[in-house]
């Protein structure tokens, strides 16, 4: 999120964050809003744009690495995607900040 803020052409006066966690950005106040996309039109619009953009990226990733079944998971790992991670390991596009494989899946493979 910080990288996106860095690219803004004007300085934001306030950051509205959908959720309950945010690493503060220097010199810009923020407010975390749980279920913010249901409470603020601006957050809802940003959410739609972000998801559409992410879905396009997932479609492109699927063309490059179909073994991970990116087009089916759209950023939320399906069982098929998790099995591919277990079989082939994560690649550079997997978010390392997320638990890629739950222990129960590893034990069941």
PDB file of N, CA and C in Angstrom:
ATOM      1  N   UNK A   1       0.821  -1.179   0.000  1.00  0.00           N
ATOM      2  CA  UNK A   1       0.000   0.000   0.000  1.00  0.00           C
ATOM      3  C   UNK A   1       0.874   1.255   0.000  1.00  0.00           C
ATOM      4  N   UNK A   2       1.999   1.177   0.686  1.00  0.00           N
ATOM      5  CA  UNK A   2       2.915   2.316   0.709  1.00  0.00           C
ATOM      6  C   UNK A   2       3.433   2.651  -0.689  1.00  0.00           C
ATOM      7  N   UNK A   3       3.704   1.630  -1.487  1.00  0.00           N
ATOM      8  CA  UNK A   3       4.177   1.890  -2.856  1.00  0.00           C
ATOM      9  C   UNK A   3       3.121   2.628  -3.663  1.00  0.00           C
ATOM     10  N   UNK A   4       1.857   2.276  -3.469  1.00  0.00           N
ATOM     11  CA  UNK A   4       0.772   2.964  -4.176  1.00  0.00           C
ATOM     12  C   UNK A   4       0.677   4.413  -3.720  1.00  0.00           C
ATOM     13  N   UNK A   5       0.801   4.646  -2.429  1.00  0.00           N
ATOM     14  CA  UNK A   5       0.749   6.011  -1.899  1.00  0.00           C
ATOM     15  C   UNK A   5       1.915   6.832  -2.440  1.00  0.00           C
ATOM     16  N   UNK A   6       3.087   6.205  -2.538  1.00  0.00           N
ATOM     17  CA  UNK A   6       4.269   6.897  -3.092  1.00  0.00           C
ATOM     18  C   UNK A   6       4.019   7.405  -4.508  1.00  0.00           C
ATOM     19  N   UNK A   7       3.177   6.726  -5.266  1.00  0.00           N
ATOM     20  CA  UNK A   7       2.946   7.083  -6.670  1.00  0.00           C
ATOM     21  C   UNK A   7       1.852   8.130  -6.873  1.00  0.00           C
ATOM     22  N   UNK A   8       1.172   8.516  -5.799  1.00  0.00           N
ATOM     23  CA  UNK A   8       0.140   9.540  -5.941  1.00  0.00           C
ATOM     24  C   UNK A   8       0.741  10.852  -6.408  1.00  0.00           C
ATOM     25  N   UNK A   9       0.053  11.539  -7.298  1.00  0.00           N
ATOM     26  CA  UNK A   9       0.556  12.818  -7.816  1.00  0.00           C
ATOM     27  C   UNK A   9       0.283  13.962  -6.859  1.00  0.00           C
ATOM     28  N   UNK A  10      -0.710  13.809  -6.000  1.00  0.00           N
ATOM     29  CA  UNK A  10      -0.987  14.809  -4.965  1.00  0.00           C
ATOM     30  C   UNK A  10      -0.909  14.112  -3.614  1.00  0.00           C
ATOM     31  N   UNK A  11      -0.587  14.868  -2.588  1.00  0.00           N
ATOM     32  CA  UNK A  11      -0.479  14.286  -1.253  1.00  0.00           C
ATOM     33  C   UNK A  11      -1.883  14.084  -0.675  1.00  0.00           C
ATOM     34  N   UNK A  12      -2.129  12.892  -0.193  1.00  0.00           N
ATOM     35  CA  UNK A  12      -3.422  12.593   0.423  1.00  0.00           C
ATOM     36  C   UNK A  12      -3.547  13.331   1.753  1.00  0.00           C
ATOM     37  N   UNK A  13      -4.769  13.757   2.047  1.00  0.00           N
ATOM     38  CA  UNK A  13      -5.029  14.421   3.325  1.00  0.00           C
ATOM     39  C   UNK A  13      -5.374  13.404   4.410  1.00  0.00           C
ATOM     40  N   UNK A  14      -5.996  12.297   3.998  1.00  0.00           N
ATOM     41  CA  UNK A  14      -6.412  11.254   4.921  1.00  0.00           C
ATOM     42  C   UNK A  14      -6.489   9.942   4.152  1.00  0.00           C
ATOM     43  N   UNK A  15      -5.990   8.879   4.726  1.00  0.00           N
ATOM     44  CA  UNK A  15      -6.074   7.560   4.113  1.00  0.00           C
ATOM     45  C   UNK A  15      -7.174   6.772   4.801  1.00  0.00           C
ATOM     46  N   UNK A  16      -8.141   6.297   4.024  1.00  0.00           N
ATOM     47  CA  UNK A  16      -9.191   5.432   4.543  1.00  0.00           C
ATOM     48  C   UNK A  16      -8.791   3.999   4.206  1.00  0.00           C
ATOM     49  N   UNK A  17      -8.561   3.198   5.225  1.00  0.00           N
ATOM     50  CA  UNK A  17      -8.059   1.835   5.045  1.00  0.00           C
ATOM     51  C   UNK A  17      -9.189   0.848   5.312  1.00  0.00           C
ATOM     52  N   UNK A  18      -9.456  -0.012   4.341  1.00  0.00           N
ATOM     53  CA  UNK A  18     -10.471  -1.046   4.503  1.00  0.00           C
ATOM     54  C   UNK A  18      -9.854  -2.189   5.302  1.00  0.00           C
ATOM     55  N   UNK A  19     -10.241  -2.331   6.525  1.00  0.00           N
ATOM     56  CA  UNK A  19      -9.698  -3.380   7.383  1.00  0.00           C
ATOM     57  C   UNK A  19      -9.285  -2.829   8.733  1.00  0.00           C
ATOM     58  N   UNK A  20      -8.539  -3.647   9.458  1.00  0.00           N
ATOM     59  CA  UNK A  20      -8.175  -3.235  10.814  1.00  0.00           C
ATOM     60  C   UNK A  20      -6.678  -3.076  11.042  1.00  0.00           C
ATOM     61  N   UNK A  21      -5.871  -3.191   9.981  1.00  0.00           N
ATOM     62  CA  UNK A  21      -4.427  -3.057  10.148  1.00  0.00           C
ATOM     63  C   UNK A  21      -3.829  -2.206   9.052  1.00  0.00           C
ATOM     64  N   UNK A  22      -2.897  -1.351   9.448  1.00  0.00           N
ATOM     65  CA  UNK A  22      -2.168  -0.542   8.478  1.00  0.00           C
ATOM     66  C   UNK A  22      -0.882  -0.069   9.120  1.00  0.00           C
ATOM     67  N   UNK A  23       0.193  -0.204   8.404  1.00  0.00           N
ATOM     68  CA  UNK A  23       1.481   0.315   8.857  1.00  0.00           C
ATOM     69  C   UNK A  23       1.488   1.801   8.523  1.00  0.00           C
ATOM     70  N   UNK A  24       1.488   2.682   9.523  1.00  0.00           N
ATOM     71  CA  UNK A  24       1.352   4.119   9.260  1.00  0.00           C
ATOM     72  C   UNK A  24       2.310   4.637   8.187  1.00  0.00           C
ATOM     73  N   UNK A  25       1.769   5.508   7.364  1.00  0.00           N
ATOM     74  CA  UNK A  25       2.554   6.182   6.332  1.00  0.00           C
ATOM     75  C   UNK A  25       2.989   7.527   6.903  1.00  0.00           C
ATOM     76  N   UNK A  26       4.243   7.901   6.708  1.00  0.00           N
ATOM     77  CA  UNK A  26       4.746   9.140   7.306  1.00  0.00           C
ATOM     78  C   UNK A  26       3.935  10.383   6.915  1.00  0.00           C
ATOM     79  N   UNK A  27       3.550  11.131   7.900  1.00  0.00           N
ATOM     80  CA  UNK A  27       2.934  12.449   7.753  1.00  0.00           C
ATOM     81  C   UNK A  27       1.568  12.471   7.065  1.00  0.00           C
ATOM     82  N   UNK A  28       0.887  11.336   6.997  1.00  0.00           N
ATOM     83  CA  UNK A  28      -0.478  11.312   6.473  1.00  0.00           C
ATOM     84  C   UNK A  28      -1.343  10.554   7.488  1.00  0.00           C
ATOM     85  N   UNK A  29      -2.355  11.212   8.045  1.00  0.00           N
ATOM     86  CA  UNK A  29      -3.234  10.509   8.981  1.00  0.00           C
ATOM     87  C   UNK A  29      -4.038   9.434   8.248  1.00  0.00           C
ATOM     88  N   UNK A  30      -4.458   8.431   9.002  1.00  0.00           N
ATOM     89  CA  UNK A  30      -5.230   7.341   8.406  1.00  0.00           C
ATOM     90  C   UNK A  30      -6.297   6.877   9.386  1.00  0.00           C
ATOM     91  N   UNK A  31      -7.274   6.175   8.836  1.00  0.00           N
ATOM     92  CA  UNK A  31      -8.309   5.567   9.659  1.00  0.00           C
ATOM     93  C   UNK A  31      -8.597   4.176   9.110  1.00  0.00           C
ATOM     94  N   UNK A  32      -8.468   3.170   9.953  1.00  0.00           N
ATOM     95  CA  UNK A  32      -8.818   1.802   9.572  1.00  0.00           C
ATOM     96  C   UNK A  32     -10.304   1.604   9.816  1.00  0.00           C
ATOM     97  N   UNK A  33     -10.997   1.074   8.819  1.00  0.00           N
ATOM     98  CA  UNK A  33     -12.447   0.909   8.898  1.00  0.00           C
ATOM     99  C   UNK A  33     -12.787  -0.533   8.529  1.00  0.00           C
ATOM    100  N   UNK A  34     -13.223  -1.283   9.517  1.00  0.00           N
ATOM    101  CA  UNK A  34     -13.624  -2.670   9.270  1.00  0.00           C
ATOM    102  C   UNK A  34     -14.883  -2.657   8.404  1.00  0.00           C
ATOM    103  N   UNK A  35     -14.859  -3.460   7.351  1.00  0.00           N
ATOM    104  CA  UNK A  35     -15.939  -3.504   6.349  1.00  0.00           C
ATOM    105  C   UNK A  35     -16.162  -2.126   5.722  1.00  0.00           C
ATOM    106  N   UNK A  36     -15.048  -1.436   5.503  1.00  0.00           N
ATOM    107  CA  UNK A  36     -15.093  -0.090   4.939  1.00  0.00           C
ATOM    108  C   UNK A  36     -15.739  -0.025   3.570  1.00  0.00           C
ATOM    109  N   UNK A  37     -15.636  -1.102   2.799  1.00  0.00           N
ATOM    110  CA  UNK A  37     -16.235  -1.095   1.460  1.00  0.00           C
ATOM    111  C   UNK A  37     -17.764  -1.078   1.516  1.00  0.00           C
ATOM    112  N   UNK A  38     -18.343  -1.428   2.660  1.00  0.00           N
ATOM    113  CA  UNK A  38     -19.797  -1.364   2.820  1.00  0.00           C
ATOM    114  C   UNK A  38     -20.245  -0.030   3.428  1.00  0.00           C
ATOM    115  N   UNK A  39     -19.266   0.758   3.884  1.00  0.00           N
ATOM    116  CA  UNK A  39     -19.597   2.001   4.578  1.00  0.00           C
ATOM    117  C   UNK A  39     -19.245   3.262   3.793  1.00  0.00           C
ATOM    118  N   UNK A  40     -18.282   3.156   2.885  1.00  0.00           N
ATOM    119  CA  UNK A  40     -17.819   4.326   2.143  1.00  0.00           C
ATOM    120  C   UNK A  40     -17.764   4.007   0.656  1.00  0.00           C
ATOM    121  N   UNK A  41     -18.386   4.859  -0.157  1.00  0.00           N
ATOM    122  CA  UNK A  41     -18.394   4.654  -1.610  1.00  0.00           C
ATOM    123  C   UNK A  41     -16.977   4.687  -2.177  1.00  0.00           C
ATOM    124  N   UNK A  42     -16.120   5.536  -1.642  1.00  0.00           N
ATOM    125  CA  UNK A  42     -14.756   5.631  -2.168  1.00  0.00           C
ATOM    126  C   UNK A  42     -13.984   4.333  -1.932  1.00  0.00           C
ATOM    127  N   UNK A  43     -14.178   3.718  -0.772  1.00  0.00           N
ATOM    128  CA  UNK A  43     -13.504   2.439  -0.501  1.00  0.00           C
ATOM    129  C   UNK A  43     -14.102   1.349  -1.383  1.00  0.00           C
ATOM    130  N   UNK A  44     -15.421   1.356  -1.558  1.00  0.00           N
ATOM    131  CA  UNK A  44     -16.066   0.358  -2.415  1.00  0.00           C
ATOM    132  C   UNK A  44     -15.554   0.466  -3.851  1.00  0.00           C
ATOM    133  N   UNK A  45     -15.453   1.697  -4.362  1.00  0.00           N
ATOM    134  CA  UNK A  45     -14.960   1.895  -5.732  1.00  0.00           C
ATOM    135  C   UNK A  45     -13.510   1.442  -5.853  1.00  0.00           C
ATOM    136  N   UNK A  46     -12.696   1.795  -4.877  1.00  0.00           N
ATOM    137  CA  UNK A  46     -11.288   1.375  -4.905  1.00  0.00           C
ATOM    138  C   UNK A  46     -11.175  -0.142  -4.849  1.00  0.00           C
ATOM    139  N   UNK A  47     -12.046  -0.771  -4.080  1.00  0.00           N
ATOM    140  CA  UNK A  47     -12.046  -2.223  -3.965  1.00  0.00           C
ATOM    141  C   UNK A  47     -12.378  -2.885  -5.301  1.00  0.00           C
ATOM    142  N   UNK A  48     -13.361  -2.353  -5.998  1.00  0.00           N
ATOM    143  CA  UNK A  48     -13.738  -2.896  -7.314  1.00  0.00           C
ATOM    144  C   UNK A  48     -12.588  -2.747  -8.307  1.00  0.00           C
ATOM    145  N   UNK A  49     -11.980  -1.561  -8.327  1.00  0.00           N
ATOM    146  CA  UNK A  49     -10.845  -1.341  -9.238  1.00  0.00           C
ATOM    147  C   UNK A  49      -9.688  -2.283  -8.921  1.00  0.00           C
ATOM    148  N   UNK A  50      -9.388  -2.434  -7.634  1.00  0.00           N
ATOM    149  CA  UNK A  50      -8.275  -3.300  -7.229  1.00  0.00           C
ATOM    150  C   UNK A  50      -8.549  -4.759  -7.602  1.00  0.00           C
ATOM    151  N   UNK A  51      -9.761  -5.215  -7.382  1.00  0.00           N
ATOM    152  CA  UNK A  51     -10.091  -6.609  -7.689  1.00  0.00           C
ATOM    153  C   UNK A  51     -10.097  -6.869  -9.190  1.00  0.00           C
ATOM    154  N   UNK A  52     -10.574  -5.929  -9.964  1.00  0.00           N
ATOM    155  CA  UNK A  52     -10.553  -6.066 -11.422  1.00  0.00           C
ATOM    156  C   UNK A  52      -9.116  -6.126 -11.923  1.00  0.00           C
ATOM    157  N   UNK A  53      -8.278  -5.251 -11.390  1.00  0.00           N
ATOM    158  CA  UNK A  53      -6.861  -5.232 -11.763  1.00  0.00           C
ATOM    159  C   UNK A  53      -6.192  -6.543 -11.365  1.00  0.00           C
ATOM    160  N   UNK A  54      -6.476  -7.012 -10.136  1.00  0.00           N
ATOM    161  CA  UNK A  54      -5.901  -8.272  -9.664  1.00  0.00           C
ATOM    162  C   UNK A  54      -6.348  -9.434 -10.535  1.00  0.00           C
ATOM    163  N   UNK A  55      -7.625  -9.473 -10.917  1.00  0.00           N
ATOM    164  CA  UNK A  55      -8.117 -10.559 -11.760  1.00  0.00           C
ATOM    165  C   UNK A  55      -7.407 -10.588 -13.110  1.00  0.00           C
ATOM    166  N   UNK A  56      -7.120  -9.426 -13.661  1.00  0.00           N
ATOM    167  CA  UNK A  56      -6.365  -9.361 -14.919  1.00  0.00           C
ATOM    168  C   UNK A  56      -4.956  -9.921 -14.736  1.00  0.00           C
ATOM    169  N   UNK A  57      -4.333  -9.582 -13.616  1.00  0.00           N
ATOM    170  CA  UNK A  57      -2.990 -10.101 -13.321  1.00  0.00           C
ATOM    171  C   UNK A  57      -3.034 -11.620 -13.175  1.00  0.00           C
ATOM    172  N   UNK A  58      -4.053 -12.127 -12.488  1.00  0.00           N
ATOM    173  CA  UNK A  58      -4.173 -13.579 -12.298  1.00  0.00           C
ATOM    174  C   UNK A  58      -4.337 -14.304 -13.636  1.00  0.00           C
ATOM    175  N   UNK A  59      -5.086 -13.705 -14.550  1.00  0.00           N
ATOM    176  CA  UNK A  59      -5.265 -14.301 -15.873  1.00  0.00           C
ATOM    177  C   UNK A  59      -3.927 -14.356 -16.608  1.00  0.00           C
ATOM    178  N   UNK A  60      -3.142 -13.281 -16.513  1.00  0.00           N
ATOM    179  CA  UNK A  60      -1.815 -13.262 -17.139  1.00  0.00           C
ATOM    180  C   UNK A  60      -0.884 -14.287 -16.490  1.00  0.00           C
ATOM    181  N   UNK A  61      -0.910 -14.373 -15.158  1.00  0.00           N
ATOM    182  CA  UNK A  61      -0.068 -15.350 -14.472  1.00  0.00           C
ATOM    183  C   UNK A  61      -0.422 -16.769 -14.874  1.00  0.00           C
ATOM    184  N   UNK A  62      -1.707 -17.014 -15.094  1.00  0.00           N
ATOM    185  CA  UNK A  62      -2.136 -18.353 -15.487  1.00  0.00           C
ATOM    186  C   UNK A  62      -1.581 -18.727 -16.856  1.00  0.00           C
ATOM    187  N   UNK A  63      -1.473 -17.760 -17.744  1.00  0.00           N
ATOM    188  CA  UNK A  63      -0.890 -18.035 -19.063  1.00  0.00           C
ATOM    189  C   UNK A  63       0.592 -18.385 -18.950  1.00  0.00           C
ATOM    190  N   UNK A  64       1.282 -17.741 -18.006  1.00  0.00           N
ATOM    191  CA  UNK A  64       2.716 -17.978 -17.828  1.00  0.00           C
ATOM    192  C   UNK A  64       3.014 -19.225 -17.003  1.00  0.00           C
ATOM    193  N   UNK A  65       2.182 -19.503 -16.003  1.00  0.00           N
ATOM    194  CA  UNK A  65       2.402 -20.648 -15.109  1.00  0.00           C
ATOM    195  C   UNK A  65       1.083 -21.366 -14.847  1.00  0.00           C
ATOM    196  N   UNK A  66       0.553 -22.065 -15.849  1.00  0.00           N
ATOM    197  CA  UNK A  66      -0.761 -22.699 -15.693  1.00  0.00           C
ATOM    198  C   UNK A  66      -0.806 -23.768 -14.604  1.00  0.00           C
ATOM    199  N   UNK A  67       0.333 -24.322 -14.234  1.00  0.00           N
ATOM    200  CA  UNK A  67       0.344 -25.390 -13.228  1.00  0.00           C
ATOM    201  C   UNK A  67      -0.175 -24.923 -11.869  1.00  0.00           C
ATOM    202  N   UNK A  68      -0.199 -23.601 -11.634  1.00  0.00           N
ATOM    203  CA  UNK A  68      -0.699 -23.082 -10.357  1.00  0.00           C
ATOM    204  C   UNK A  68      -2.197 -22.756 -10.382  1.00  0.00           C
ATOM    205  N   UNK A  69      -2.816 -22.817 -11.534  1.00  0.00           N
ATOM    206  CA  UNK A  69      -4.259 -22.576 -11.666  1.00  0.00           C
ATOM    207  C   UNK A  69      -4.652 -21.189 -11.151  1.00  0.00           C
ATOM    208  N   UNK A  70      -3.864 -20.185 -11.490  1.00  0.00           N
ATOM    209  CA  UNK A  70      -4.112 -18.811 -11.031  1.00  0.00           C
ATOM    210  C   UNK A  70      -5.496 -18.297 -11.428  1.00  0.00           C
ATOM    211  N   UNK A  71      -5.950 -18.637 -12.642  1.00  0.00           N
ATOM    212  CA  UNK A  71      -7.216 -18.067 -13.132  1.00  0.00           C
ATOM    213  C   UNK A  71      -8.404 -18.509 -12.292  1.00  0.00           C
ATOM    214  N   UNK A  72      -8.263 -19.610 -11.591  1.00  0.00           N
ATOM    215  CA  UNK A  72      -9.363 -20.102 -10.767  1.00  0.00           C
ATOM    216  C   UNK A  72      -9.351 -19.567  -9.348  1.00  0.00           C
ATOM    217  N   UNK A  73      -8.194 -19.106  -8.873  1.00  0.00           N
ATOM    218  CA  UNK A  73      -8.168 -18.692  -7.472  1.00  0.00           C
ATOM    219  C   UNK A  73      -8.351 -17.197  -7.258  1.00  0.00           C
ATOM    220  N   UNK A  74      -8.017 -16.376  -8.250  1.00  0.00           N
ATOM    221  CA  UNK A  74      -8.216 -14.920  -8.177  1.00  0.00           C
ATOM    222  C   UNK A  74      -7.703 -14.314  -6.869  1.00  0.00           C
ATOM    223  N   UNK A  75      -6.594 -14.820  -6.382  1.00  0.00           N
ATOM    224  CA  UNK A  75      -5.987 -14.238  -5.188  1.00  0.00           C
ATOM    225  C   UNK A  75      -6.372 -14.924  -3.892  1.00  0.00           C
ATOM    226  N   UNK A  76      -7.339 -15.828  -3.948  1.00  0.00           N
ATOM    227  CA  UNK A  76      -7.752 -16.578  -2.771  1.00  0.00           C
ATOM    228  C   UNK A  76      -7.528 -18.047  -3.087  1.00  0.00           C
ATOM    229  N   UNK A  77      -6.477 -18.637  -2.560  1.00  0.00           N
ATOM    230  CA  UNK A  77      -6.052 -19.971  -2.991  1.00  0.00           C
ATOM    231  C   UNK A  77      -7.122 -21.049  -2.884  1.00  0.00           C
ATOM    232  N   UNK A  78      -7.322 -21.730  -3.985  1.00  0.00           N
ATOM    233  CA  UNK A  78      -8.208 -22.893  -4.005  1.00  0.00           C
ATOM    234  C   UNK A  78      -7.398 -24.102  -3.542  1.00  0.00           C
ATOM    235  N   UNK A  79      -8.084 -25.182  -3.283  1.00  0.00           N
ATOM    236  CA  UNK A  79      -7.397 -26.413  -2.889  1.00  0.00           C
ATOM    237  C   UNK A  79      -6.437 -26.854  -3.998  1.00  0.00           C
ATOM    238  N   UNK A  80      -6.877 -26.716  -5.241  1.00  0.00           N
ATOM    239  CA  UNK A  80      -6.051 -27.074  -6.399  1.00  0.00           C
ATOM    240  C   UNK A  80      -4.770 -26.230  -6.431  1.00  0.00           C
ATOM    241  N   UNK A  81      -4.895 -24.941  -6.146  1.00  0.00           N
ATOM    242  CA  UNK A  81      -3.732 -24.042  -6.138  1.00  0.00           C
ATOM    243  C   UNK A  81      -2.780 -24.424  -5.002  1.00  0.00           C
ATOM    244  N   UNK A  82      -3.313 -24.691  -3.830  1.00  0.00           N
ATOM    245  CA  UNK A  82      -2.469 -25.074  -2.690  1.00  0.00           C
ATOM    246  C   UNK A  82      -1.729 -26.387  -2.963  1.00  0.00           C
ATOM    247  N   UNK A  83      -2.388 -27.318  -3.615  1.00  0.00           N
ATOM    248  CA  UNK A  83      -1.710 -28.583  -3.964  1.00  0.00           C
ATOM    249  C   UNK A  83      -0.563 -28.317  -4.937  1.00  0.00           C
ATOM    250  N   UNK A  84      -0.770 -27.382  -5.863  1.00  0.00           N
ATOM    251  CA  UNK A  84       0.309 -27.040  -6.804  1.00  0.00           C
ATOM    252  C   UNK A  84       1.485 -26.409  -6.067  1.00  0.00           C
ATOM    253  N   UNK A  85       1.211 -25.579  -5.070  1.00  0.00           N
ATOM    254  CA  UNK A  85       2.299 -24.995  -4.268  1.00  0.00           C
ATOM    255  C   UNK A  85       3.053 -26.104  -3.548  1.00  0.00           C
ATOM    256  N   UNK A  86       2.315 -27.058  -2.980  1.00  0.00           N
ATOM    257  CA  UNK A  86       2.956 -28.178  -2.286  1.00  0.00           C
ATOM    258  C   UNK A  86       3.814 -28.997  -3.242  1.00  0.00           C
ATOM    259  N   UNK A  87       3.338 -29.165  -4.463  1.00  0.00           N
ATOM    260  CA  UNK A  87       4.067 -29.988  -5.442  1.00  0.00           C
ATOM    261  C   UNK A  87       5.255 -29.260  -6.059  1.00  0.00           C
ATOM    262  N   UNK A  88       5.050 -27.991  -6.457  1.00  0.00           N
ATOM    263  CA  UNK A  88       6.072 -27.259  -7.202  1.00  0.00           C
ATOM    264  C   UNK A  88       6.795 -26.202  -6.376  1.00  0.00           C
ATOM    265  N   UNK A  89       6.282 -25.918  -5.178  1.00  0.00           N
ATOM    266  CA  UNK A  89       6.843 -24.844  -4.361  1.00  0.00           C
ATOM    267  C   UNK A  89       6.315 -23.498  -4.835  1.00  0.00           C
ATOM    268  N   UNK A  90       6.447 -22.481  -3.993  1.00  0.00           N
ATOM    269  CA  UNK A  90       5.976 -21.152  -4.398  1.00  0.00           C
ATOM    270  C   UNK A  90       6.901 -20.548  -5.449  1.00  0.00           C
ATOM    271  N   UNK A  91       6.360 -19.635  -6.250  1.00  0.00           N
ATOM    272  CA  UNK A  91       7.212 -18.902  -7.180  1.00  0.00           C
ATOM    273  C   UNK A  91       7.269 -17.437  -6.756  1.00  0.00           C
ATOM    274  N   UNK A  92       7.888 -16.602  -7.535  1.00  0.00           N
ATOM    275  CA  UNK A  92       8.108 -15.206  -7.146  1.00  0.00           C
ATOM    276  C   UNK A  92       6.813 -14.407  -7.011  1.00  0.00           C
ATOM    277  N   UNK A  93       5.722 -14.928  -7.534  1.00  0.00           N
ATOM    278  CA  UNK A  93       4.450 -14.208  -7.484  1.00  0.00           C
ATOM    279  C   UNK A  93       3.623 -14.529  -6.237  1.00  0.00           C
ATOM    280  N   UNK A  94       4.037 -15.504  -5.465  1.00  0.00           N
ATOM    281  CA  UNK A  94       3.318 -15.838  -4.239  1.00  0.00           C
ATOM    282  C   UNK A  94       3.694 -14.858  -3.134  1.00  0.00           C
ATOM    283  N   UNK A  95       2.673 -14.400  -2.397  1.00  0.00           N
ATOM    284  CA  UNK A  95       2.911 -13.468  -1.298  1.00  0.00           C
ATOM    285  C   UNK A  95       3.473 -14.239  -0.112  1.00  0.00           C
ATOM    286  N   UNK A  96       4.689 -13.910   0.253  1.00  0.00           N
ATOM    287  CA  UNK A  96       5.347 -14.614   1.351  1.00  0.00           C
ATOM    288  C   UNK A  96       4.780 -14.207   2.709  1.00  0.00           C
ATOM    289  N   UNK A  97       4.023 -13.115   2.737  1.00  0.00           N
ATOM    290  CA  UNK A  97       3.442 -12.667   4.003  1.00  0.00           C
ATOM    291  C   UNK A  97       2.204 -13.482   4.380  1.00  0.00           C
ATOM    292  N   UNK A  98       1.722 -14.317   3.480  1.00  0.00           N
ATOM    293  CA  UNK A  98       0.565 -15.161   3.750  1.00  0.00           C
ATOM    294  C   UNK A  98       1.041 -16.581   4.017  1.00  0.00           C
ATOM    295  N   UNK A  99       0.284 -17.301   4.848  1.00  0.00           N
ATOM    296  CA  UNK A  99       0.583 -18.712   5.040  1.00  0.00           C
ATOM    297  C   UNK A  99       0.136 -19.433   3.775  1.00  0.00           C
ATOM    298  N   UNK A 100       1.098 -19.889   2.996  1.00  0.00           N
ATOM    299  CA  UNK A 100       0.770 -20.481   1.702  1.00  0.00           C
ATOM    300  C   UNK A 100       0.096 -21.839   1.830  1.00  0.00           C
ATOM    301  N   UNK A 101       0.520 -22.615   2.791  1.00  0.00           N
ATOM    302  CA  UNK A 101      -0.065 -23.939   2.968  1.00  0.00           C
ATOM    303  C   UNK A 101      -0.392 -24.167   4.439  1.00  0.00           C
ATOM    304  N   UNK A 102      -1.640 -24.470   4.753  1.00  0.00           N
ATOM    305  CA  UNK A 102      -1.965 -24.799   6.138  1.00  0.00           C
ATOM    306  C   UNK A 102      -1.371 -26.151   6.505  1.00  0.00           C
ATOM    307  N   UNK A 103      -1.030 -26.324   7.735  1.00  0.00           N
ATOM    308  CA  UNK A 103      -0.418 -27.564   8.212  1.00  0.00           C
ATOM    309  C   UNK A 103      -1.281 -28.782   7.867  1.00  0.00           C
ATOM    310  N   UNK A 104      -2.615 -28.666   7.995  1.00  0.00           N
ATOM    311  CA  UNK A 104      -3.502 -29.808   7.725  1.00  0.00           C
ATOM    312  C   UNK A 104      -3.386 -30.278   6.278  1.00  0.00           C
ATOM    313  N   UNK A 105      -3.156 -29.348   5.325  1.00  0.00           N
ATOM    314  CA  UNK A 105      -3.021 -29.744   3.926  1.00  0.00           C
ATOM    315  C   UNK A 105      -1.681 -30.447   3.709  1.00  0.00           C
ATOM    316  N   UNK A 106      -0.638 -29.929   4.317  1.00  0.00           N
ATOM    317  CA  UNK A 106       0.683 -30.538   4.177  1.00  0.00           C
ATOM    318  C   UNK A 106       0.631 -31.981   4.703  1.00  0.00           C
ATOM    319  N   UNK A 107      -0.041 -32.181   5.836  1.00  0.00           N
ATOM    320  CA  UNK A 107      -0.132 -33.511   6.424  1.00  0.00           C
ATOM    321  C   UNK A 107      -0.977 -34.458   5.581  1.00  0.00           C
ATOM    322  N   UNK A 108      -1.943 -33.912   4.836  1.00  0.00           N
ATOM    323  CA  UNK A 108      -2.825 -34.779   4.045  1.00  0.00           C
ATOM    324  C   UNK A 108      -2.243 -35.147   2.684  1.00  0.00           C
ATOM    325  N   UNK A 109      -1.149 -34.496   2.291  1.00  0.00           N
ATOM    326  CA  UNK A 109      -0.569 -34.790   0.976  1.00  0.00           C
ATOM    327  C   UNK A 109       0.329 -35.998   1.002  1.00  0.00           C
TER     328      UNK A 109
END
